Amino acid sequence: MAGKSKPGRASRRSRLPALGNVEQGDLPALVVGLGNPGRKYRGTRHNAGFMAADRIIEGGRLVNRATWPDGELWLVEAAGRRFLVLKPVTYMNLSGRAVAPLLKSYGLVPERMIVIHDDIDIPLGEVRTKEGGGTGGHRGLASLVEFLGDAGFTRIRVGVGRPPEGLDPADYVLTRFLDGEAEQAGASVEKAAAAALDLLTGAEVG
């Protein structure tokens, strides 16, 4: 369970929070949950990444946390390893603005980052992991690639299903899950969080 901690301080120079050291090595040290901030977007399909990030934080021990104008950041420990969990608050199409300087500040390369995001090309309830690749029209991923100049990060894709005929995908992902979909959606978010934790702690290769 996540514990209590005092909020970290942001660097005056960069406005980025310095929460403490993360694990060195080849395992991922940062997981980014993509979504849009604010009550208006809470619970929407596009916020599947935010939901999974919350589950990861709840499933570990909270060491430290902080906010700055572009994001909310947590330092979490699980299975003896410390890693960062980020929720950008820049809105989806500017997610890279929060991620790129954070990677630099902590001395991390994109290959040590996991991004959790919604995917309309995957059926509701399914979760798939992928290393690198294109953006598939996802604006959050496109922003990350633009700001990082690198697409080599791991993606955990949370299926939210295809939009009904006649509904624009951009509008569809901003809708909330229907009552009959809520259980499947919740299960897929839990699967995504578990998959990320396995990668972060080395359980998948242990």
N, C-alpha and C. Protein backbone atom coordinates (compact mmCIF):
# COMPACT_ATOMS: atom_id res chain seq x y z
N MET A 1 0.85 -1.20 0.00
CA MET A 1 0.00 0.00 0.00
C MET A 1 0.88 1.24 0.00
N ALA A 2 0.41 2.30 -0.63
CA ALA A 2 1.18 3.54 -0.66
C ALA A 2 1.12 4.20 0.71
N GLY A 3 2.26 4.72 1.14
CA GLY A 3 2.31 5.40 2.43
C GLY A 3 2.31 6.89 2.26
N LYS A 4 2.40 7.60 3.37
CA LYS A 4 2.41 9.06 3.33
C LYS A 4 3.84 9.56 3.22
N SER A 5 3.99 10.70 2.60
CA SER A 5 5.31 11.32 2.50
C SER A 5 5.13 12.81 2.34
N LYS A 6 6.20 13.54 2.60
CA LYS A 6 6.15 14.97 2.42
C LYS A 6 6.41 15.32 0.96
N PRO A 7 5.71 16.31 0.40
CA PRO A 7 5.94 16.68 -0.99
C PRO A 7 7.37 17.12 -1.21
N GLY A 8 7.93 16.75 -2.37
CA GLY A 8 9.28 17.16 -2.70
C GLY A 8 9.31 18.60 -3.18
N ARG A 9 10.52 19.13 -3.31
CA ARG A 9 10.69 20.49 -3.77
C ARG A 9 11.15 20.52 -5.21
N ALA A 10 10.66 21.48 -5.95
CA ALA A 10 11.08 21.64 -7.33
C ALA A 10 12.32 22.51 -7.39
N SER A 11 13.22 22.18 -8.30
CA SER A 11 14.41 22.98 -8.51
C SER A 11 14.03 24.37 -8.98
N ARG A 12 14.64 25.40 -8.39
CA ARG A 12 14.32 26.77 -8.80
C ARG A 12 14.72 27.03 -10.24
N ARG A 13 15.82 26.39 -10.65
CA ARG A 13 16.33 26.63 -11.99
C ARG A 13 15.42 26.00 -13.05
N SER A 14 15.07 24.75 -12.85
CA SER A 14 14.33 24.03 -13.88
C SER A 14 12.85 23.88 -13.56
N ARG A 15 12.48 24.15 -12.31
CA ARG A 15 11.12 23.93 -11.81
C ARG A 15 10.77 22.44 -11.78
N LEU A 16 11.77 21.57 -11.97
CA LEU A 16 11.52 20.14 -11.94
C LEU A 16 11.76 19.61 -10.52
N PRO A 17 10.93 18.68 -10.07
CA PRO A 17 11.09 18.15 -8.71
C PRO A 17 12.28 17.22 -8.60
N ALA A 18 13.03 17.35 -7.52
CA ALA A 18 14.14 16.44 -7.20
C ALA A 18 13.68 15.57 -6.04
N LEU A 19 13.26 14.36 -6.33
CA LEU A 19 12.65 13.51 -5.30
C LEU A 19 13.61 12.50 -4.70
N GLY A 20 14.75 12.30 -5.32
CA GLY A 20 15.68 11.29 -4.84
C GLY A 20 16.14 10.41 -5.98
N ASN A 21 17.07 9.52 -5.70
CA ASN A 21 17.66 8.68 -6.73
C ASN A 21 16.73 7.55 -7.14
N VAL A 22 16.86 7.16 -8.41
CA VAL A 22 16.16 5.98 -8.91
C VAL A 22 17.21 4.90 -9.18
N GLU A 23 16.74 3.67 -9.40
CA GLU A 23 17.65 2.56 -9.61
C GLU A 23 18.45 2.73 -10.89
N GLN A 24 19.72 2.36 -10.83
CA GLN A 24 20.56 2.36 -12.01
C GLN A 24 20.45 1.00 -12.70
N GLY A 25 20.97 0.90 -13.91
CA GLY A 25 20.92 -0.37 -14.63
C GLY A 25 20.10 -0.26 -15.89
N ASP A 26 19.63 -1.38 -16.38
CA ASP A 26 18.91 -1.42 -17.65
C ASP A 26 17.40 -1.46 -17.50
N LEU A 27 16.90 -1.73 -16.30
CA LEU A 27 15.46 -1.81 -16.11
C LEU A 27 14.83 -0.42 -16.23
N PRO A 28 13.56 -0.35 -16.60
CA PRO A 28 12.88 0.95 -16.63
C PRO A 28 12.91 1.62 -15.27
N ALA A 29 13.00 2.95 -15.28
CA ALA A 29 13.02 3.71 -14.03
C ALA A 29 11.95 4.79 -14.01
N LEU A 30 11.21 4.93 -15.10
CA LEU A 30 10.15 5.93 -15.19
C LEU A 30 8.97 5.34 -15.93
N VAL A 31 7.79 5.47 -15.35
CA VAL A 31 6.56 5.09 -16.05
C VAL A 31 5.69 6.33 -16.18
N VAL A 32 5.21 6.58 -17.38
CA VAL A 32 4.40 7.75 -17.68
C VAL A 32 2.99 7.29 -18.03
N GLY A 33 2.02 7.76 -17.28
CA GLY A 33 0.62 7.49 -17.61
C GLY A 33 0.06 8.70 -18.35
N LEU A 34 -0.42 8.48 -19.57
CA LEU A 34 -0.91 9.59 -20.37
C LEU A 34 -2.40 9.84 -20.11
N GLY A 35 -2.77 11.11 -20.17
CA GLY A 35 -4.17 11.50 -19.98
C GLY A 35 -4.31 13.00 -20.02
N ASN A 36 -5.49 13.46 -19.73
CA ASN A 36 -5.78 14.90 -19.66
C ASN A 36 -6.15 15.27 -18.24
N PRO A 37 -5.68 16.40 -17.74
CA PRO A 37 -5.97 16.79 -16.35
C PRO A 37 -7.37 17.39 -16.20
N GLY A 38 -7.86 17.38 -14.98
CA GLY A 38 -9.12 18.06 -14.68
C GLY A 38 -10.31 17.13 -14.59
N ARG A 39 -11.31 17.57 -13.84
CA ARG A 39 -12.50 16.78 -13.60
C ARG A 39 -13.26 16.44 -14.89
N LYS A 40 -13.21 17.33 -15.85
CA LYS A 40 -13.92 17.12 -17.11
C LYS A 40 -13.51 15.83 -17.80
N TYR A 41 -12.24 15.46 -17.67
CA TYR A 41 -11.71 14.30 -18.39
C TYR A 41 -11.56 13.06 -17.51
N ARG A 42 -11.87 13.18 -16.25
CA ARG A 42 -11.70 12.06 -15.34
C ARG A 42 -12.58 10.88 -15.76
N GLY A 43 -11.98 9.71 -15.84
CA GLY A 43 -12.75 8.52 -16.19
C GLY A 43 -12.99 8.31 -17.66
N THR A 44 -12.43 9.17 -18.52
CA THR A 44 -12.62 8.99 -19.96
C THR A 44 -11.64 7.96 -20.50
N ARG A 45 -11.91 7.47 -21.71
CA ARG A 45 -11.07 6.44 -22.32
C ARG A 45 -9.64 6.95 -22.52
N HIS A 46 -9.51 8.21 -22.86
CA HIS A 46 -8.19 8.79 -23.11
C HIS A 46 -7.35 8.85 -21.84
N ASN A 47 -7.97 8.67 -20.68
CA ASN A 47 -7.26 8.75 -19.40
C ASN A 47 -6.91 7.38 -18.83
N ALA A 48 -6.93 6.36 -19.65
CA ALA A 48 -6.58 5.02 -19.19
C ALA A 48 -5.17 5.01 -18.60
N GLY A 49 -4.27 5.79 -19.18
CA GLY A 49 -2.90 5.85 -18.68
C GLY A 49 -2.83 6.46 -17.28
N PHE A 50 -3.61 7.51 -17.06
CA PHE A 50 -3.69 8.11 -15.72
C PHE A 50 -4.18 7.08 -14.70
N MET A 51 -5.23 6.34 -15.09
CA MET A 51 -5.82 5.36 -14.17
C MET A 51 -4.81 4.29 -13.79
N ALA A 52 -4.04 3.82 -14.78
CA ALA A 52 -3.04 2.79 -14.51
C ALA A 52 -1.93 3.34 -13.63
N ALA A 53 -1.53 4.59 -13.86
CA ALA A 53 -0.50 5.21 -13.03
C ALA A 53 -0.96 5.26 -11.57
N ASP A 54 -2.22 5.58 -11.36
CA ASP A 54 -2.76 5.62 -9.99
C ASP A 54 -2.67 4.25 -9.33
N ARG A 55 -2.95 3.18 -10.10
CA ARG A 55 -2.88 1.82 -9.55
C ARG A 55 -1.44 1.46 -9.17
N ILE A 56 -0.48 1.88 -9.98
CA ILE A 56 0.92 1.59 -9.69
C ILE A 56 1.34 2.27 -8.38
N ILE A 57 0.93 3.53 -8.23
CA ILE A 57 1.26 4.26 -7.00
C ILE A 57 0.64 3.58 -5.78
N GLU A 58 -0.61 3.16 -5.93
CA GLU A 58 -1.31 2.51 -4.82
C GLU A 58 -0.70 1.16 -4.48
N GLY A 59 -0.09 0.50 -5.48
CA GLY A 59 0.46 -0.83 -5.26
C GLY A 59 1.86 -0.85 -4.71
N GLY A 60 2.50 0.30 -4.59
CA GLY A 60 3.85 0.36 -4.07
C GLY A 60 3.92 1.18 -2.80
N ARG A 61 5.13 1.48 -2.37
CA ARG A 61 5.33 2.33 -1.20
C ARG A 61 5.74 3.71 -1.68
N LEU A 62 4.98 4.70 -1.32
CA LEU A 62 5.25 6.07 -1.74
C LEU A 62 6.41 6.63 -0.94
N VAL A 63 7.49 6.99 -1.64
CA VAL A 63 8.68 7.54 -1.00
C VAL A 63 8.62 9.07 -0.98
N ASN A 64 8.19 9.67 -2.08
CA ASN A 64 8.15 11.12 -2.20
C ASN A 64 7.24 11.49 -3.35
N ARG A 65 6.82 12.75 -3.37
CA ARG A 65 5.93 13.22 -4.44
C ARG A 65 6.09 14.72 -4.60
N ALA A 66 5.72 15.20 -5.77
CA ALA A 66 5.82 16.64 -6.02
C ALA A 66 5.01 16.97 -7.27
N THR A 67 4.72 18.25 -7.42
CA THR A 67 4.08 18.75 -8.63
C THR A 67 4.87 19.94 -9.15
N TRP A 68 4.76 20.19 -10.43
CA TRP A 68 5.29 21.40 -11.03
C TRP A 68 4.35 21.74 -12.17
N PRO A 69 4.49 22.88 -12.83
CA PRO A 69 3.46 23.30 -13.78
C PRO A 69 3.12 22.30 -14.88
N ASP A 70 4.06 21.40 -15.22
CA ASP A 70 3.80 20.47 -16.32
C ASP A 70 3.45 19.06 -15.89
N GLY A 71 3.51 18.76 -14.59
CA GLY A 71 3.23 17.38 -14.23
C GLY A 71 3.14 17.11 -12.74
N GLU A 72 2.71 15.89 -12.44
CA GLU A 72 2.67 15.36 -11.09
C GLU A 72 3.60 14.15 -11.06
N LEU A 73 4.49 14.10 -10.06
CA LEU A 73 5.53 13.08 -10.04
C LEU A 73 5.58 12.40 -8.68
N TRP A 74 5.77 11.08 -8.71
CA TRP A 74 5.89 10.28 -7.49
C TRP A 74 7.16 9.44 -7.58
N LEU A 75 7.84 9.29 -6.46
CA LEU A 75 8.93 8.32 -6.32
C LEU A 75 8.35 7.16 -5.51
N VAL A 76 8.35 5.98 -6.13
CA VAL A 76 7.68 4.81 -5.56
C VAL A 76 8.68 3.67 -5.41
N GLU A 77 8.47 2.84 -4.41
CA GLU A 77 9.29 1.65 -4.22
C GLU A 77 8.41 0.41 -4.26
N ALA A 78 8.86 -0.59 -5.00
CA ALA A 78 8.16 -1.88 -5.05
C ALA A 78 9.20 -2.96 -5.29
N ALA A 79 9.07 -4.07 -4.59
CA ALA A 79 9.99 -5.20 -4.72
C ALA A 79 11.45 -4.76 -4.57
N GLY A 80 11.67 -3.78 -3.70
CA GLY A 80 13.03 -3.33 -3.43
C GLY A 80 13.62 -2.40 -4.46
N ARG A 81 12.84 -1.96 -5.42
CA ARG A 81 13.35 -1.05 -6.45
C ARG A 81 12.58 0.28 -6.41
N ARG A 82 13.31 1.37 -6.67
CA ARG A 82 12.70 2.69 -6.69
C ARG A 82 12.59 3.20 -8.13
N PHE A 83 11.44 3.78 -8.43
CA PHE A 83 11.20 4.30 -9.78
C PHE A 83 10.25 5.48 -9.70
N LEU A 84 10.16 6.22 -10.80
CA LEU A 84 9.31 7.40 -10.89
C LEU A 84 8.01 7.09 -11.63
N VAL A 85 6.94 7.72 -11.19
CA VAL A 85 5.65 7.65 -11.88
C VAL A 85 5.23 9.08 -12.20
N LEU A 86 4.98 9.34 -13.47
CA LEU A 86 4.64 10.69 -13.92
C LEU A 86 3.27 10.73 -14.58
N LYS A 87 2.49 11.75 -14.22
CA LYS A 87 1.26 12.08 -14.94
C LYS A 87 1.42 13.50 -15.47
N PRO A 88 1.68 13.66 -16.78
CA PRO A 88 1.78 15.02 -17.33
C PRO A 88 0.44 15.74 -17.20
N VAL A 89 0.49 17.03 -16.88
CA VAL A 89 -0.75 17.81 -16.79
C VAL A 89 -0.76 18.91 -17.85
N THR A 90 -0.08 18.63 -18.95
CA THR A 90 0.05 19.59 -20.05
C THR A 90 -1.08 19.46 -21.06
N TYR A 91 -1.97 18.49 -20.84
CA TYR A 91 -2.92 17.99 -21.82
C TYR A 91 -2.17 17.08 -22.79
N MET A 92 -2.93 16.15 -23.34
CA MET A 92 -2.35 15.03 -24.08
C MET A 92 -1.38 15.45 -25.17
N ASN A 93 -1.77 16.44 -25.99
CA ASN A 93 -0.95 16.75 -27.17
C ASN A 93 0.33 17.50 -26.85
N LEU A 94 0.61 17.77 -25.56
CA LEU A 94 1.87 18.38 -25.17
C LEU A 94 2.58 17.55 -24.09
N SER A 95 2.27 16.27 -24.04
CA SER A 95 2.85 15.41 -23.01
C SER A 95 4.37 15.44 -23.01
N GLY A 96 4.97 15.53 -24.19
CA GLY A 96 6.42 15.53 -24.29
C GLY A 96 7.08 16.68 -23.56
N ARG A 97 6.35 17.77 -23.39
CA ARG A 97 6.90 18.94 -22.70
C ARG A 97 7.21 18.63 -21.24
N ALA A 98 6.47 17.72 -20.65
CA ALA A 98 6.73 17.32 -19.27
C ALA A 98 7.79 16.23 -19.20
N VAL A 99 7.78 15.33 -20.18
CA VAL A 99 8.63 14.15 -20.10
C VAL A 99 10.08 14.44 -20.46
N ALA A 100 10.33 15.17 -21.53
CA ALA A 100 11.69 15.35 -22.03
C ALA A 100 12.63 15.97 -20.98
N PRO A 101 12.28 17.08 -20.34
CA PRO A 101 13.19 17.65 -19.34
C PRO A 101 13.33 16.77 -18.10
N LEU A 102 12.30 15.98 -17.79
CA LEU A 102 12.39 15.10 -16.63
C LEU A 102 13.42 13.99 -16.88
N LEU A 103 13.39 13.40 -18.06
CA LEU A 103 14.38 12.39 -18.40
C LEU A 103 15.79 12.96 -18.27
N LYS A 104 15.97 14.15 -18.81
CA LYS A 104 17.29 14.79 -18.77
C LYS A 104 17.71 15.06 -17.33
N SER A 105 16.79 15.55 -16.52
CA SER A 105 17.10 15.90 -15.14
C SER A 105 17.56 14.69 -14.34
N TYR A 106 16.95 13.53 -14.61
CA TYR A 106 17.29 12.31 -13.87
C TYR A 106 18.32 11.45 -14.58
N GLY A 107 18.84 11.93 -15.71
CA GLY A 107 19.86 11.19 -16.43
C GLY A 107 19.37 9.89 -17.03
N LEU A 108 18.12 9.88 -17.49
CA LEU A 108 17.53 8.67 -18.06
C LEU A 108 17.40 8.78 -19.57
N VAL A 109 17.49 7.66 -20.24
CA VAL A 109 17.28 7.61 -21.69
C VAL A 109 15.88 7.07 -21.95
N PRO A 110 15.30 7.36 -23.13
CA PRO A 110 13.93 6.90 -23.42
C PRO A 110 13.74 5.39 -23.28
N GLU A 111 14.79 4.61 -23.52
CA GLU A 111 14.69 3.16 -23.41
C GLU A 111 14.40 2.69 -21.99
N ARG A 112 14.58 3.59 -21.01
CA ARG A 112 14.30 3.23 -19.62
C ARG A 112 12.95 3.80 -19.17
N MET A 113 12.11 4.10 -20.13
CA MET A 113 10.78 4.67 -19.85
C MET A 113 9.68 3.76 -20.39
N ILE A 114 8.62 3.65 -19.61
CA ILE A 114 7.40 2.95 -20.02
C ILE A 114 6.29 3.99 -20.14
N VAL A 115 5.54 3.93 -21.21
CA VAL A 115 4.40 4.84 -21.40
C VAL A 115 3.13 4.00 -21.47
N ILE A 116 2.16 4.33 -20.64
CA ILE A 116 0.87 3.63 -20.64
C ILE A 116 -0.16 4.55 -21.29
N HIS A 117 -0.86 4.03 -22.29
CA HIS A 117 -1.81 4.88 -23.02
C HIS A 117 -2.98 4.06 -23.55
N ASP A 118 -4.05 4.75 -23.88
CA ASP A 118 -5.22 4.13 -24.48
C ASP A 118 -4.94 3.82 -25.94
N ASP A 119 -5.66 2.82 -26.48
CA ASP A 119 -5.48 2.45 -27.88
C ASP A 119 -6.81 1.98 -28.46
N ILE A 120 -7.31 2.69 -29.45
CA ILE A 120 -8.61 2.34 -30.04
C ILE A 120 -8.51 1.15 -30.99
N ASP A 121 -7.30 0.74 -31.35
CA ASP A 121 -7.13 -0.40 -32.25
C ASP A 121 -7.05 -1.72 -31.50
N ILE A 122 -7.18 -1.68 -30.18
CA ILE A 122 -7.17 -2.88 -29.36
C ILE A 122 -8.52 -3.02 -28.68
N PRO A 123 -9.11 -4.22 -28.70
CA PRO A 123 -10.43 -4.41 -28.09
C PRO A 123 -10.44 -4.05 -26.61
N LEU A 124 -11.57 -3.58 -26.15
CA LEU A 124 -11.75 -3.26 -24.74
C LEU A 124 -11.43 -4.48 -23.89
N GLY A 125 -10.65 -4.28 -22.85
CA GLY A 125 -10.30 -5.36 -21.95
C GLY A 125 -8.95 -5.99 -22.23
N GLU A 126 -8.37 -5.72 -23.40
CA GLU A 126 -7.07 -6.29 -23.74
C GLU A 126 -5.95 -5.28 -23.50
N VAL A 127 -4.78 -5.80 -23.17
CA VAL A 127 -3.59 -4.97 -22.93
C VAL A 127 -2.42 -5.59 -23.68
N ARG A 128 -1.67 -4.78 -24.38
CA ARG A 128 -0.52 -5.27 -25.13
C ARG A 128 0.70 -4.40 -24.87
N THR A 129 1.85 -5.03 -24.84
CA THR A 129 3.11 -4.33 -24.62
C THR A 129 3.92 -4.31 -25.91
N LYS A 130 4.54 -3.18 -26.18
CA LYS A 130 5.29 -3.02 -27.42
C LYS A 130 6.51 -2.14 -27.16
N GLU A 131 7.62 -2.48 -27.79
CA GLU A 131 8.83 -1.66 -27.68
C GLU A 131 9.01 -0.85 -28.95
N GLY A 132 9.06 0.46 -28.80
CA GLY A 132 9.26 1.34 -29.95
C GLY A 132 8.10 1.29 -30.94
N GLY A 133 8.34 1.81 -32.13
CA GLY A 133 7.32 1.80 -33.17
C GLY A 133 6.73 3.17 -33.42
N GLY A 134 5.68 3.19 -34.24
CA GLY A 134 5.03 4.44 -34.59
C GLY A 134 4.07 4.92 -33.53
N THR A 135 3.37 5.99 -33.85
CA THR A 135 2.46 6.59 -32.86
C THR A 135 1.00 6.21 -33.11
N GLY A 136 0.69 5.66 -34.28
CA GLY A 136 -0.68 5.24 -34.56
C GLY A 136 -1.69 6.36 -34.48
N GLY A 137 -1.24 7.59 -34.68
CA GLY A 137 -2.16 8.73 -34.62
C GLY A 137 -2.47 9.19 -33.21
N HIS A 138 -1.83 8.59 -32.20
CA HIS A 138 -2.08 8.98 -30.80
C HIS A 138 -1.31 10.27 -30.52
N ARG A 139 -2.02 11.30 -30.13
CA ARG A 139 -1.38 12.62 -29.98
C ARG A 139 -0.39 12.67 -28.83
N GLY A 140 -0.64 11.92 -27.78
CA GLY A 140 0.30 11.89 -26.68
C GLY A 140 1.62 11.26 -27.09
N LEU A 141 1.55 10.14 -27.79
CA LEU A 141 2.77 9.49 -28.28
C LEU A 141 3.49 10.39 -29.28
N ALA A 142 2.74 11.03 -30.15
CA ALA A 142 3.35 11.93 -31.15
C ALA A 142 4.12 13.05 -30.46
N SER A 143 3.56 13.58 -29.38
CA SER A 143 4.23 14.65 -28.65
C SER A 143 5.52 14.13 -28.01
N LEU A 144 5.48 12.93 -27.46
CA LEU A 144 6.68 12.36 -26.85
C LEU A 144 7.79 12.21 -27.88
N VAL A 145 7.45 11.65 -29.03
CA VAL A 145 8.46 11.45 -30.07
C VAL A 145 9.01 12.79 -30.55
N GLU A 146 8.13 13.78 -30.66
CA GLU A 146 8.56 15.10 -31.11
C GLU A 146 9.55 15.72 -30.14
N PHE A 147 9.25 15.69 -28.85
CA PHE A 147 10.10 16.34 -27.86
C PHE A 147 11.36 15.52 -27.56
N LEU A 148 11.26 14.19 -27.64
CA LEU A 148 12.40 13.34 -27.31
C LEU A 148 13.31 13.10 -28.50
N GLY A 149 12.73 13.16 -29.71
CA GLY A 149 13.49 12.80 -30.90
C GLY A 149 13.84 11.33 -30.90
N ASP A 150 13.03 10.51 -30.22
CA ASP A 150 13.34 9.09 -30.04
C ASP A 150 12.03 8.36 -29.77
N ALA A 151 11.80 7.26 -30.49
CA ALA A 151 10.58 6.48 -30.30
C ALA A 151 10.86 5.14 -29.64
N GLY A 152 12.03 5.01 -29.02
CA GLY A 152 12.46 3.72 -28.52
C GLY A 152 11.95 3.31 -27.15
N PHE A 153 10.99 4.02 -26.61
CA PHE A 153 10.45 3.68 -25.30
C PHE A 153 9.42 2.55 -25.40
N THR A 154 9.18 1.90 -24.28
CA THR A 154 8.19 0.82 -24.21
C THR A 154 6.79 1.39 -24.03
N ARG A 155 5.84 0.81 -24.74
CA ARG A 155 4.44 1.24 -24.60
C ARG A 155 3.60 0.10 -24.03
N ILE A 156 2.76 0.40 -23.09
CA ILE A 156 1.73 -0.53 -22.63
C ILE A 156 0.41 0.03 -23.10
N ARG A 157 -0.22 -0.68 -24.01
CA ARG A 157 -1.40 -0.18 -24.72
C ARG A 157 -2.67 -0.77 -24.11
N VAL A 158 -3.52 0.10 -23.63
CA VAL A 158 -4.77 -0.31 -22.99
C VAL A 158 -5.90 -0.20 -24.00
N GLY A 159 -6.48 -1.33 -24.35
CA GLY A 159 -7.55 -1.31 -25.34
C GLY A 159 -8.81 -0.63 -24.85
N VAL A 160 -9.33 0.29 -25.65
CA VAL A 160 -10.59 0.96 -25.30
C VAL A 160 -11.66 0.73 -26.37
N GLY A 161 -11.32 -0.06 -27.41
CA GLY A 161 -12.30 -0.40 -28.44
C GLY A 161 -12.45 0.66 -29.51
N ARG A 162 -13.00 0.24 -30.63
CA ARG A 162 -13.22 1.14 -31.75
C ARG A 162 -14.47 2.00 -31.52
N PRO A 163 -14.47 3.23 -32.02
CA PRO A 163 -15.66 4.08 -31.88
C PRO A 163 -16.81 3.57 -32.74
N PRO A 164 -18.03 3.82 -32.33
CA PRO A 164 -19.18 3.45 -33.16
C PRO A 164 -19.11 4.16 -34.50
N GLU A 165 -19.73 3.57 -35.49
CA GLU A 165 -19.73 4.16 -36.83
C GLU A 165 -20.31 5.58 -36.79
N GLY A 166 -19.59 6.50 -37.42
CA GLY A 166 -20.03 7.88 -37.49
C GLY A 166 -19.49 8.78 -36.39
N LEU A 167 -18.83 8.18 -35.38
CA LEU A 167 -18.28 8.99 -34.29
C LEU A 167 -16.78 9.18 -34.50
N ASP A 168 -16.36 10.42 -34.50
CA ASP A 168 -14.95 10.74 -34.70
C ASP A 168 -14.12 10.13 -33.56
N PRO A 169 -13.01 9.43 -33.88
CA PRO A 169 -12.18 8.84 -32.84
C PRO A 169 -11.71 9.86 -31.79
N ALA A 170 -11.43 11.10 -32.23
CA ALA A 170 -10.98 12.13 -31.29
C ALA A 170 -12.06 12.47 -30.27
N ASP A 171 -13.32 12.37 -30.67
CA ASP A 171 -14.42 12.60 -29.74
C ASP A 171 -14.68 11.35 -28.89
N TYR A 172 -14.53 10.19 -29.53
CA TYR A 172 -14.80 8.92 -28.84
C TYR A 172 -13.92 8.73 -27.62
N VAL A 173 -12.62 9.02 -27.76
CA VAL A 173 -11.70 8.77 -26.64
C VAL A 173 -11.95 9.72 -25.46
N LEU A 174 -12.71 10.76 -25.69
CA LEU A 174 -13.05 11.69 -24.61
C LEU A 174 -14.37 11.33 -23.93
N THR A 175 -14.96 10.19 -24.33
CA THR A 175 -16.17 9.70 -23.67
C THR A 175 -15.80 8.78 -22.52
N ARG A 176 -16.72 8.65 -21.58
CA ARG A 176 -16.50 7.74 -20.46
C ARG A 176 -16.97 6.34 -20.84
N PHE A 177 -16.46 5.36 -20.12
CA PHE A 177 -16.87 3.99 -20.35
C PHE A 177 -18.33 3.82 -19.97
N LEU A 178 -19.07 3.07 -20.77
CA LEU A 178 -20.46 2.80 -20.48
C LEU A 178 -20.57 1.85 -19.28
N ASP A 179 -21.76 1.79 -18.68
CA ASP A 179 -21.94 0.94 -17.50
C ASP A 179 -21.55 -0.50 -17.79
N GLY A 180 -21.91 -0.98 -18.97
CA GLY A 180 -21.60 -2.36 -19.32
C GLY A 180 -20.14 -2.59 -19.64
N GLU A 181 -19.36 -1.52 -19.76
CA GLU A 181 -17.94 -1.63 -20.08
C GLU A 181 -17.04 -1.42 -18.86
N ALA A 182 -17.60 -0.91 -17.81
CA ALA A 182 -16.80 -0.46 -16.66
C ALA A 182 -15.96 -1.59 -16.06
N GLU A 183 -16.54 -2.79 -15.94
CA GLU A 183 -15.80 -3.90 -15.33
C GLU A 183 -14.60 -4.30 -16.19
N GLN A 184 -14.83 -4.42 -17.51
CA GLN A 184 -13.73 -4.76 -18.41
C GLN A 184 -12.65 -3.68 -18.41
N ALA A 185 -13.09 -2.43 -18.42
CA ALA A 185 -12.14 -1.32 -18.43
C ALA A 185 -11.28 -1.32 -17.17
N GLY A 186 -11.92 -1.54 -16.03
CA GLY A 186 -11.18 -1.59 -14.78
C GLY A 186 -10.17 -2.72 -14.76
N ALA A 187 -10.58 -3.88 -15.30
CA ALA A 187 -9.68 -5.03 -15.33
C ALA A 187 -8.48 -4.76 -16.23
N SER A 188 -8.70 -4.09 -17.35
CA SER A 188 -7.60 -3.81 -18.27
C SER A 188 -6.63 -2.80 -17.66
N VAL A 189 -7.13 -1.84 -16.92
CA VAL A 189 -6.27 -0.87 -16.24
C VAL A 189 -5.40 -1.59 -15.21
N GLU A 190 -5.99 -2.53 -14.47
CA GLU A 190 -5.23 -3.31 -13.50
C GLU A 190 -4.15 -4.15 -14.19
N LYS A 191 -4.50 -4.73 -15.34
CA LYS A 191 -3.52 -5.53 -16.10
C LYS A 191 -2.36 -4.66 -16.55
N ALA A 192 -2.67 -3.47 -17.02
CA ALA A 192 -1.63 -2.55 -17.49
C ALA A 192 -0.69 -2.17 -16.35
N ALA A 193 -1.26 -1.86 -15.19
CA ALA A 193 -0.45 -1.51 -14.03
C ALA A 193 0.44 -2.68 -13.61
N ALA A 194 -0.12 -3.89 -13.62
CA ALA A 194 0.66 -5.07 -13.24
C ALA A 194 1.79 -5.33 -14.23
N ALA A 195 1.51 -5.14 -15.52
CA ALA A 195 2.54 -5.33 -16.55
C ALA A 195 3.67 -4.33 -16.37
N ALA A 196 3.32 -3.08 -16.05
CA ALA A 196 4.34 -2.06 -15.83
C ALA A 196 5.18 -2.40 -14.60
N LEU A 197 4.53 -2.83 -13.52
CA LEU A 197 5.26 -3.18 -12.30
C LEU A 197 6.22 -4.34 -12.54
N ASP A 198 5.82 -5.31 -13.35
CA ASP A 198 6.70 -6.43 -13.68
C ASP A 198 7.97 -5.93 -14.39
N LEU A 199 7.79 -4.99 -15.31
CA LEU A 199 8.94 -4.45 -16.04
C LEU A 199 9.81 -3.59 -15.13
N LEU A 200 9.19 -2.79 -14.28
CA LEU A 200 9.92 -1.89 -13.40
C LEU A 200 10.74 -2.62 -12.34
N THR A 201 10.22 -3.75 -11.89
CA THR A 201 10.88 -4.49 -10.82
C THR A 201 11.71 -5.66 -11.33
N GLY A 202 11.64 -5.93 -12.63
CA GLY A 202 12.40 -7.04 -13.18
C GLY A 202 11.71 -8.38 -13.02
N ALA A 203 10.45 -8.38 -12.58
CA ALA A 203 9.74 -9.65 -12.35
C ALA A 203 9.54 -10.40 -13.66
N GLU A 204 9.36 -9.65 -14.76
CA GLU A 204 9.08 -10.30 -16.04
C GLU A 204 10.26 -11.11 -16.54
N VAL A 205 11.46 -10.69 -16.16
CA VAL A 205 12.66 -11.39 -16.63
C VAL A 205 13.36 -12.13 -15.49
N GLY A 206 12.76 -12.09 -14.31
CA GLY A 206 13.39 -12.71 -13.15
C GLY A 206 13.18 -14.22 -13.11
